[in-house]
Amino acid sequence: MNKYVRDALTFPRDASAGWRNAGLGGAWRELRVRTLDRISRRGLALLLEHVVEDVPHLPIPDGVHIELFAGPDWSPFLALTTERRIARFRTRIARGRQCLVAWRGERPVGFTWISAQMERDIESYPLPLPADAAYHWDLYVASAERGSGLGTALAFARLHHSHAQSYRLGWRLIDVDNRASQKTAQKTATASTRVLGELRYLSIGGRSWSRFTPGVSDPLAIRVRDSLARAK
């Protein structure tokens, strides 16, 4: 199916789901990814590295359990995210990526992803991930659960899961203008957490480019890096 036709057909349901999960901002996101983001999108992110054995165990919010998604039924996720994203989730699983899901009873209330490699068509940024590192990305928490500590619990869970799989390091990218992601990064920072560098990305008309630079030079990125250092 042509992607523009698919976007049009799935927009009403996905916009409704976005509204339920994140209000006006969620509905706007579904419109933006189908319109403005297809034309142009740019940003700046910091690449963080964690030593996974250096991560404490924190309690999970009451009534929630976190486990690796076994599939194949994604239907419960329609209450949490959109058909458009679920189609991408199926591709990720088929390509060997792992999804940790937070459940409240039979209902998913959050998720995050773990990858053993970084490829442009899946993770967006084809960085050379070390053999002893896992890439942690796409962390999402239902709006009703935000502020409960679930986002931090998921971030810790993926670090512990990577350690159990014999990885030594965990990598993650945080946008310098994403305050929620920065707060989670601050809460999971340990003495061994370090900023490896900054990544600039640009997409125009469906094509994307990114450039990674070791170290940090952008003034906003420096402020974010320093706030992470103070959180340790």
C-alpha atoms as a PDB file:
ATOM      1  CA  MET A   1       0.000   0.000   0.000  1.00  0.00           C
ATOM      2  CA  ASN A   2       1.274   3.497  -0.844  1.00  0.00           C
ATOM      3  CA  LYS A   3       2.587   5.095   2.374  1.00  0.00           C
ATOM      4  CA  TYR A   4       0.524   8.262   1.856  1.00  0.00           C
ATOM      5  CA  VAL A   5      -2.680   6.270   1.411  1.00  0.00           C
ATOM      6  CA  ARG A   6      -1.809   4.224   4.512  1.00  0.00           C
ATOM      7  CA  ASP A   7      -1.145   7.418   6.468  1.00  0.00           C
ATOM      8  CA  ALA A   8      -4.527   8.829   5.475  1.00  0.00           C
ATOM      9  CA  LEU A   9      -6.395   5.642   6.352  1.00  0.00           C
ATOM     10  CA  THR A  10      -4.717   5.197   9.735  1.00  0.00           C
ATOM     11  CA  PHE A  11      -4.733   8.862  10.793  1.00  0.00           C
ATOM     12  CA  PRO A  12      -8.220   9.043  12.413  1.00  0.00           C
ATOM     13  CA  ARG A  13      -7.584   6.076  14.717  1.00  0.00           C
ATOM     14  CA  ASP A  14      -3.961   7.020  15.424  1.00  0.00           C
ATOM     15  CA  ALA A  15      -4.853  10.654  16.158  1.00  0.00           C
ATOM     16  CA  SER A  16      -7.540   9.425  18.572  1.00  0.00           C
ATOM     17  CA  ALA A  17      -5.011   7.166  20.294  1.00  0.00           C
ATOM     18  CA  GLY A  18      -2.515  10.018  20.451  1.00  0.00           C
ATOM     19  CA  TRP A  19      -5.148  12.234  22.085  1.00  0.00           C
ATOM     20  CA  ARG A  20      -5.974   9.567  24.688  1.00  0.00           C
ATOM     21  CA  ASN A  21      -2.327   8.961  25.545  1.00  0.00           C
ATOM     22  CA  ALA A  22      -0.850  12.457  25.359  1.00  0.00           C
ATOM     23  CA  GLY A  23      -3.623  14.976  24.740  1.00  0.00           C
ATOM     24  CA  LEU A  24      -3.317  17.600  22.017  1.00  0.00           C
ATOM     25  CA  GLY A  25       0.430  16.986  21.744  1.00  0.00           C
ATOM     26  CA  GLY A  26      -0.168  13.321  20.916  1.00  0.00           C
ATOM     27  CA  ALA A  27      -2.725  14.104  18.219  1.00  0.00           C
ATOM     28  CA  TRP A  28      -0.442  16.779  16.768  1.00  0.00           C
ATOM     29  CA  ARG A  29       2.443  14.299  16.638  1.00  0.00           C
ATOM     30  CA  GLU A  30       0.416  11.948  14.426  1.00  0.00           C
ATOM     31  CA  LEU A  31      -0.357  14.804  12.058  1.00  0.00           C
ATOM     32  CA  ARG A  32       3.220  16.107  12.108  1.00  0.00           C
ATOM     33  CA  VAL A  33       4.865  12.755  11.266  1.00  0.00           C
ATOM     34  CA  ARG A  34       2.537  12.485   8.252  1.00  0.00           C
ATOM     35  CA  THR A  35       3.158  16.043   7.022  1.00  0.00           C
ATOM     36  CA  LEU A  36       5.960  18.320   8.261  1.00  0.00           C
ATOM     37  CA  ASP A  37       8.322  15.505   9.257  1.00  0.00           C
ATOM     38  CA  ARG A  38       8.067  14.054   5.758  1.00  0.00           C
ATOM     39  CA  ILE A  39       9.333  17.368   4.390  1.00  0.00           C
ATOM     40  CA  SER A  40      12.105  18.221   6.848  1.00  0.00           C
ATOM     41  CA  ARG A  41      13.258  17.407  10.360  1.00  0.00           C
ATOM     42  CA  ARG A  42      16.489  18.216  12.140  1.00  0.00           C
ATOM     43  CA  GLY A  43      17.879  17.909  15.640  1.00  0.00           C
ATOM     44  CA  LEU A  44      20.807  17.408  18.002  1.00  0.00           C
ATOM     45  CA  ALA A  45      21.292  14.527  20.431  1.00  0.00           C
ATOM     46  CA  LEU A  46      23.895  13.396  22.943  1.00  0.00           C
ATOM     47  CA  LEU A  47      25.230   9.839  22.896  1.00  0.00           C
ATOM     48  CA  LEU A  48      25.450   8.399  26.418  1.00  0.00           C
ATOM     49  CA  GLU A  49      27.271   5.287  27.552  1.00  0.00           C
ATOM     50  CA  HIS A  50      26.466   3.332  30.741  1.00  0.00           C
ATOM     51  CA  VAL A  51      28.465   0.503  32.294  1.00  0.00           C
ATOM     52  CA  VAL A  52      25.580  -1.878  32.898  1.00  0.00           C
ATOM     53  CA  GLU A  53      27.022  -3.681  35.907  1.00  0.00           C
ATOM     54  CA  ASP A  54      27.243  -0.327  37.682  1.00  0.00           C
ATOM     55  CA  VAL A  55      23.451   0.063  37.885  1.00  0.00           C
ATOM     56  CA  PRO A  56      21.471  -0.335  41.131  1.00  0.00           C
ATOM     57  CA  HIS A  57      18.151  -2.160  41.392  1.00  0.00           C
ATOM     58  CA  LEU A  58      15.202   0.121  42.053  1.00  0.00           C
ATOM     59  CA  PRO A  59      11.633  -0.863  42.960  1.00  0.00           C
ATOM     60  CA  ILE A  60       9.043  -1.015  40.174  1.00  0.00           C
ATOM     61  CA  PRO A  61       5.746   0.862  40.717  1.00  0.00           C
ATOM     62  CA  ASP A  62       3.157  -1.200  42.598  1.00  0.00           C
ATOM     63  CA  GLY A  63       1.003  -3.400  40.402  1.00  0.00           C
ATOM     64  CA  VAL A  64       3.384  -3.290  37.430  1.00  0.00           C
ATOM     65  CA  HIS A  65       5.687  -5.976  36.084  1.00  0.00           C
ATOM     66  CA  ILE A  66       8.246  -5.654  33.279  1.00  0.00           C
ATOM     67  CA  GLU A  67       9.106  -8.506  30.947  1.00  0.00           C
ATOM     68  CA  LEU A  68      10.437  -9.216  27.490  1.00  0.00           C
ATOM     69  CA  PHE A  69       7.646  -9.219  24.919  1.00  0.00           C
ATOM     70  CA  ALA A  70       7.131 -12.721  23.584  1.00  0.00           C
ATOM     71  CA  GLY A  71       4.453 -11.904  20.968  1.00  0.00           C
ATOM     72  CA  PRO A  72       2.994 -12.431  18.518  1.00  0.00           C
ATOM     73  CA  ASP A  73      -0.277 -10.701  19.541  1.00  0.00           C
ATOM     74  CA  TRP A  74       0.141  -6.927  19.460  1.00  0.00           C
ATOM     75  CA  SER A  75      -3.567  -6.152  19.840  1.00  0.00           C
ATOM     76  CA  PRO A  76      -3.296  -5.043  23.518  1.00  0.00           C
ATOM     77  CA  PHE A  77      -0.944  -2.275  22.356  1.00  0.00           C
ATOM     78  CA  LEU A  78      -3.698  -0.542  20.393  1.00  0.00           C
ATOM     79  CA  ALA A  79      -4.765   1.052  23.689  1.00  0.00           C
ATOM     80  CA  LEU A  80      -1.232   2.395  24.147  1.00  0.00           C
ATOM     81  CA  THR A  81       0.063   3.346  20.715  1.00  0.00           C
ATOM     82  CA  THR A  82      -0.921   3.472  17.059  1.00  0.00           C
ATOM     83  CA  GLU A  83      -1.353   0.969  14.249  1.00  0.00           C
ATOM     84  CA  ARG A  84       1.378   2.799  12.365  1.00  0.00           C
ATOM     85  CA  ARG A  85       3.908   2.228  15.143  1.00  0.00           C
ATOM     86  CA  ILE A  86       2.827  -1.368  15.724  1.00  0.00           C
ATOM     87  CA  ALA A  87       3.566  -2.128  12.072  1.00  0.00           C
ATOM     88  CA  ARG A  88       7.116  -0.884  12.704  1.00  0.00           C
ATOM     89  CA  PHE A  89       7.306  -2.928  15.920  1.00  0.00           C
ATOM     90  CA  ARG A  90       6.630  -6.124  13.966  1.00  0.00           C
ATOM     91  CA  THR A  91       9.495  -5.270  11.631  1.00  0.00           C
ATOM     92  CA  ARG A  92      11.815  -4.653  14.581  1.00  0.00           C
ATOM     93  CA  ILE A  93      11.025  -8.033  16.136  1.00  0.00           C
ATOM     94  CA  ALA A  94      11.531  -9.755  12.776  1.00  0.00           C
ATOM     95  CA  ARG A  95      14.943  -8.092  12.571  1.00  0.00           C
ATOM     96  CA  GLY A  96      16.045  -9.368  15.976  1.00  0.00           C
ATOM     97  CA  ARG A  97      15.297  -6.375  18.193  1.00  0.00           C
ATOM     98  CA  GLN A  98      13.930  -6.918  21.709  1.00  0.00           C
ATOM     99  CA  CYS A  99      11.056  -5.098  23.399  1.00  0.00           C
ATOM    100  CA  LEU A 100      10.678  -4.791  27.173  1.00  0.00           C
ATOM    101  CA  VAL A 101       7.071  -4.123  28.151  1.00  0.00           C
ATOM    102  CA  ALA A 102       5.630  -2.816  31.403  1.00  0.00           C
ATOM    103  CA  TRP A 103       2.268  -4.428  32.177  1.00  0.00           C
ATOM    104  CA  ARG A 104      -0.398  -3.437  34.659  1.00  0.00           C
ATOM    105  CA  GLY A 105      -2.393  -6.606  34.781  1.00  0.00           C
ATOM    106  CA  GLU A 106      -3.204  -7.503  31.164  1.00  0.00           C
ATOM    107  CA  ARG A 107      -2.702  -3.956  29.953  1.00  0.00           C
ATOM    108  CA  PRO A 108       0.622  -2.629  28.579  1.00  0.00           C
ATOM    109  CA  VAL A 109       1.494   0.749  30.094  1.00  0.00           C
ATOM    110  CA  GLY A 110       5.000   1.293  28.748  1.00  0.00           C
ATOM    111  CA  PHE A 111       7.744  -0.160  26.603  1.00  0.00           C
ATOM    112  CA  THR A 112      11.335   0.293  25.481  1.00  0.00           C
ATOM    113  CA  TRP A 113      13.627  -1.310  22.908  1.00  0.00           C
ATOM    114  CA  ILE A 114      17.053  -2.975  22.950  1.00  0.00           C
ATOM    115  CA  SER A 115      19.199  -3.545  19.872  1.00  0.00           C
ATOM    116  CA  ALA A 116      22.454  -5.415  19.254  1.00  0.00           C
ATOM    117  CA  GLN A 117      23.185  -3.237  16.216  1.00  0.00           C
ATOM    118  CA  MET A 118      22.265   0.171  14.850  1.00  0.00           C
ATOM    119  CA  GLU A 119      20.937   0.389  11.296  1.00  0.00           C
ATOM    120  CA  ARG A 120      19.474   3.391   9.527  1.00  0.00           C
ATOM    121  CA  ASP A 121      16.190   1.722   8.543  1.00  0.00           C
ATOM    122  CA  ILE A 122      15.496   0.511  12.094  1.00  0.00           C
ATOM    123  CA  GLU A 123      17.311   2.684  14.656  1.00  0.00           C
ATOM    124  CA  SER A 124      17.627   5.714  12.298  1.00  0.00           C
ATOM    125  CA  TYR A 125      21.310   6.237  13.100  1.00  0.00           C
ATOM    126  CA  PRO A 126      23.914   3.768  11.729  1.00  0.00           C
ATOM    127  CA  LEU A 127      26.478   4.240  14.494  1.00  0.00           C
ATOM    128  CA  PRO A 128      29.229   1.626  14.966  1.00  0.00           C
ATOM    129  CA  LEU A 129      27.906  -0.070  18.103  1.00  0.00           C
ATOM    130  CA  PRO A 130      30.690  -1.950  19.966  1.00  0.00           C
ATOM    131  CA  ALA A 131      30.339  -5.726  20.190  1.00  0.00           C
ATOM    132  CA  ASP A 132      29.976  -5.532  23.988  1.00  0.00           C
ATOM    133  CA  ALA A 133      27.307  -2.808  23.899  1.00  0.00           C
ATOM    134  CA  ALA A 134      23.519  -2.801  23.477  1.00  0.00           C
ATOM    135  CA  TYR A 135      21.593   0.168  22.164  1.00  0.00           C
ATOM    136  CA  HIS A 136      18.639   1.322  24.292  1.00  0.00           C
ATOM    137  CA  TRP A 137      15.960   3.430  22.622  1.00  0.00           C
ATOM    138  CA  ASP A 138      12.301   4.350  22.093  1.00  0.00           C
ATOM    139  CA  LEU A 139      11.115   4.466  25.712  1.00  0.00           C
ATOM    140  CA  TYR A 140       7.430   5.279  26.082  1.00  0.00           C
ATOM    141  CA  VAL A 141       5.120   5.498  29.131  1.00  0.00           C
ATOM    142  CA  ALA A 142       1.320   5.868  29.031  1.00  0.00           C
ATOM    143  CA  SER A 143       0.186   9.316  30.122  1.00  0.00           C
ATOM    144  CA  ALA A 144      -1.711   7.937  33.117  1.00  0.00           C
ATOM    145  CA  GLU A 145       1.495   6.359  34.449  1.00  0.00           C
ATOM    146  CA  ARG A 146       3.794   9.356  34.044  1.00  0.00           C
ATOM    147  CA  GLY A 147       5.278  10.675  37.251  1.00  0.00           C
ATOM    148  CA  SER A 148       5.063   7.239  38.896  1.00  0.00           C
ATOM    149  CA  GLY A 149       8.689   6.310  38.252  1.00  0.00           C
ATOM    150  CA  LEU A 150       7.793   3.856  35.492  1.00  0.00           C
ATOM    151  CA  GLY A 151      10.000   5.549  32.892  1.00  0.00           C
ATOM    152  CA  THR A 152      13.005   5.272  35.191  1.00  0.00           C
ATOM    153  CA  ALA A 153      12.084   1.649  36.003  1.00  0.00           C
ATOM    154  CA  LEU A 154      12.034   0.785  32.290  1.00  0.00           C
ATOM    155  CA  ALA A 155      15.380   2.535  31.753  1.00  0.00           C
ATOM    156  CA  PHE A 156      16.917   0.506  34.594  1.00  0.00           C
ATOM    157  CA  ALA A 157      15.238  -2.690  33.386  1.00  0.00           C
ATOM    158  CA  ARG A 158      16.868  -2.484  29.965  1.00  0.00           C
ATOM    159  CA  LEU A 159      20.269  -1.924  31.584  1.00  0.00           C
ATOM    160  CA  HIS A 160      19.798  -4.976  33.805  1.00  0.00           C
ATOM    161  CA  HIS A 161      18.493  -7.013  30.868  1.00  0.00           C
ATOM    162  CA  SER A 162      21.580  -6.119  28.839  1.00  0.00           C
ATOM    163  CA  HIS A 163      23.816  -7.103  31.742  1.00  0.00           C
ATOM    164  CA  ALA A 164      22.037 -10.469  31.991  1.00  0.00           C
ATOM    165  CA  GLN A 165      22.766 -10.987  28.298  1.00  0.00           C
ATOM    166  CA  SER A 166      26.497 -10.417  28.951  1.00  0.00           C
ATOM    167  CA  TYR A 167      26.708  -6.932  27.472  1.00  0.00           C
ATOM    168  CA  ARG A 168      29.133  -4.611  29.255  1.00  0.00           C
ATOM    169  CA  LEU A 169      27.815  -1.287  27.984  1.00  0.00           C
ATOM    170  CA  GLY A 170      24.522   0.381  27.216  1.00  0.00           C
ATOM    171  CA  TRP A 171      24.247   3.184  24.681  1.00  0.00           C
ATOM    172  CA  ARG A 172      21.409   5.669  24.353  1.00  0.00           C
ATOM    173  CA  LEU A 173      20.711   8.937  22.534  1.00  0.00           C
ATOM    174  CA  ILE A 174      18.857  11.841  24.130  1.00  0.00           C
ATOM    175  CA  ASP A 175      17.632  14.890  22.208  1.00  0.00           C
ATOM    176  CA  VAL A 176      18.872  18.093  23.796  1.00  0.00           C
ATOM    177  CA  ASP A 177      15.350  19.564  23.585  1.00  0.00           C
ATOM    178  CA  ASN A 178      13.567  16.539  25.076  1.00  0.00           C
ATOM    179  CA  ARG A 179      13.172  17.348  28.768  1.00  0.00           C
ATOM    180  CA  ALA A 180      11.442  14.082  29.670  1.00  0.00           C
ATOM    181  CA  SER A 181      14.288  12.049  28.178  1.00  0.00           C
ATOM    182  CA  GLN A 182      16.836  14.214  29.986  1.00  0.00           C
ATOM    183  CA  LYS A 183      15.106  13.663  33.336  1.00  0.00           C
ATOM    184  CA  THR A 184      15.164   9.897  32.852  1.00  0.00           C
ATOM    185  CA  ALA A 185      18.841  10.068  31.880  1.00  0.00           C
ATOM    186  CA  GLN A 186      19.608  12.061  35.028  1.00  0.00           C
ATOM    187  CA  LYS A 187      17.834   9.532  37.234  1.00  0.00           C
ATOM    188  CA  THR A 188      19.752   6.606  35.701  1.00  0.00           C
ATOM    189  CA  ALA A 189      23.170   8.288  35.605  1.00  0.00           C
ATOM    190  CA  THR A 190      25.885   6.586  37.661  1.00  0.00           C
ATOM    191  CA  ALA A 191      29.548   7.327  38.298  1.00  0.00           C
ATOM    192  CA  SER A 192      30.475   5.446  35.124  1.00  0.00           C
ATOM    193  CA  THR A 193      27.981   7.193  32.833  1.00  0.00           C
ATOM    194  CA  ARG A 194      29.688   9.355  30.239  1.00  0.00           C
ATOM    195  CA  VAL A 195      28.800  11.420  27.193  1.00  0.00           C
ATOM    196  CA  LEU A 196      30.603  10.124  24.120  1.00  0.00           C
ATOM    197  CA  GLY A 197      29.679  12.937  21.742  1.00  0.00           C
ATOM    198  CA  GLU A 198      26.931  14.720  19.859  1.00  0.00           C
ATOM    199  CA  LEU A 199      24.893  13.589  16.879  1.00  0.00           C
ATOM    200  CA  ARG A 200      23.259  15.967  14.411  1.00  0.00           C
ATOM    201  CA  TYR A 201      20.526  14.596  12.203  1.00  0.00           C
ATOM    202  CA  LEU A 202      18.516  15.864   9.259  1.00  0.00           C
ATOM    203  CA  SER A 203      15.748  14.350   7.152  1.00  0.00           C
ATOM    204  CA  ILE A 204      14.387  15.900   3.959  1.00  0.00           C
ATOM    205  CA  GLY A 205      11.741  14.364   1.758  1.00  0.00           C
ATOM    206  CA  GLY A 206      12.122  10.877   3.215  1.00  0.00           C
ATOM    207  CA  ARG A 207      15.924  10.833   3.046  1.00  0.00           C
ATOM    208  CA  SER A 208      17.982  11.187   6.223  1.00  0.00           C
ATOM    209  CA  TRP A 209      21.521  12.091   7.166  1.00  0.00           C
ATOM    210  CA  SER A 210      23.347  12.092  10.482  1.00  0.00           C
ATOM    211  CA  ARG A 211      26.816  13.045  11.658  1.00  0.00           C
ATOM    212  CA  PHE A 212      28.398  11.948  14.923  1.00  0.00           C
ATOM    213  CA  THR A 213      31.157  14.043  16.475  1.00  0.00           C
ATOM    214  CA  PRO A 214      33.129  12.810  19.515  1.00  0.00           C
ATOM    215  CA  GLY A 215      33.035  15.319  22.346  1.00  0.00           C
ATOM    216  CA  VAL A 216      30.546  18.131  22.922  1.00  0.00           C
ATOM    217  CA  SER A 217      30.777  21.647  21.480  1.00  0.00           C
ATOM    218  CA  ASP A 218      27.213  22.929  21.020  1.00  0.00           C
ATOM    219  CA  PRO A 219      26.265  25.322  23.886  1.00  0.00           C
ATOM    220  CA  LEU A 220      22.894  23.661  24.526  1.00  0.00           C
ATOM    221  CA  ALA A 221      24.473  20.200  24.415  1.00  0.00           C
ATOM    222  CA  ILE A 222      27.118  21.365  26.917  1.00  0.00           C
ATOM    223  CA  ARG A 223      24.390  22.491  29.335  1.00  0.00           C
ATOM    224  CA  VAL A 224      22.639  19.134  29.045  1.00  0.00           C
ATOM    225  CA  ARG A 225      25.927  17.268  29.524  1.00  0.00           C
ATOM    226  CA  ASP A 226      26.735  19.308  32.623  1.00  0.00           C
ATOM    227  CA  SER A 227      23.281  18.682  34.097  1.00  0.00           C
ATOM    228  CA  LEU A 228      23.851  14.943  33.676  1.00  0.00           C
ATOM    229  CA  ALA A 229      27.230  15.215  35.391  1.00  0.00           C
ATOM    230  CA  ARG A 230      25.647  16.974  38.383  1.00  0.00           C
ATOM    231  CA  ALA A 231      23.045  14.197  38.661  1.00  0.00           C
ATOM    232  CA  LYS A 232      25.631  11.462  39.323  1.00  0.00           C
END
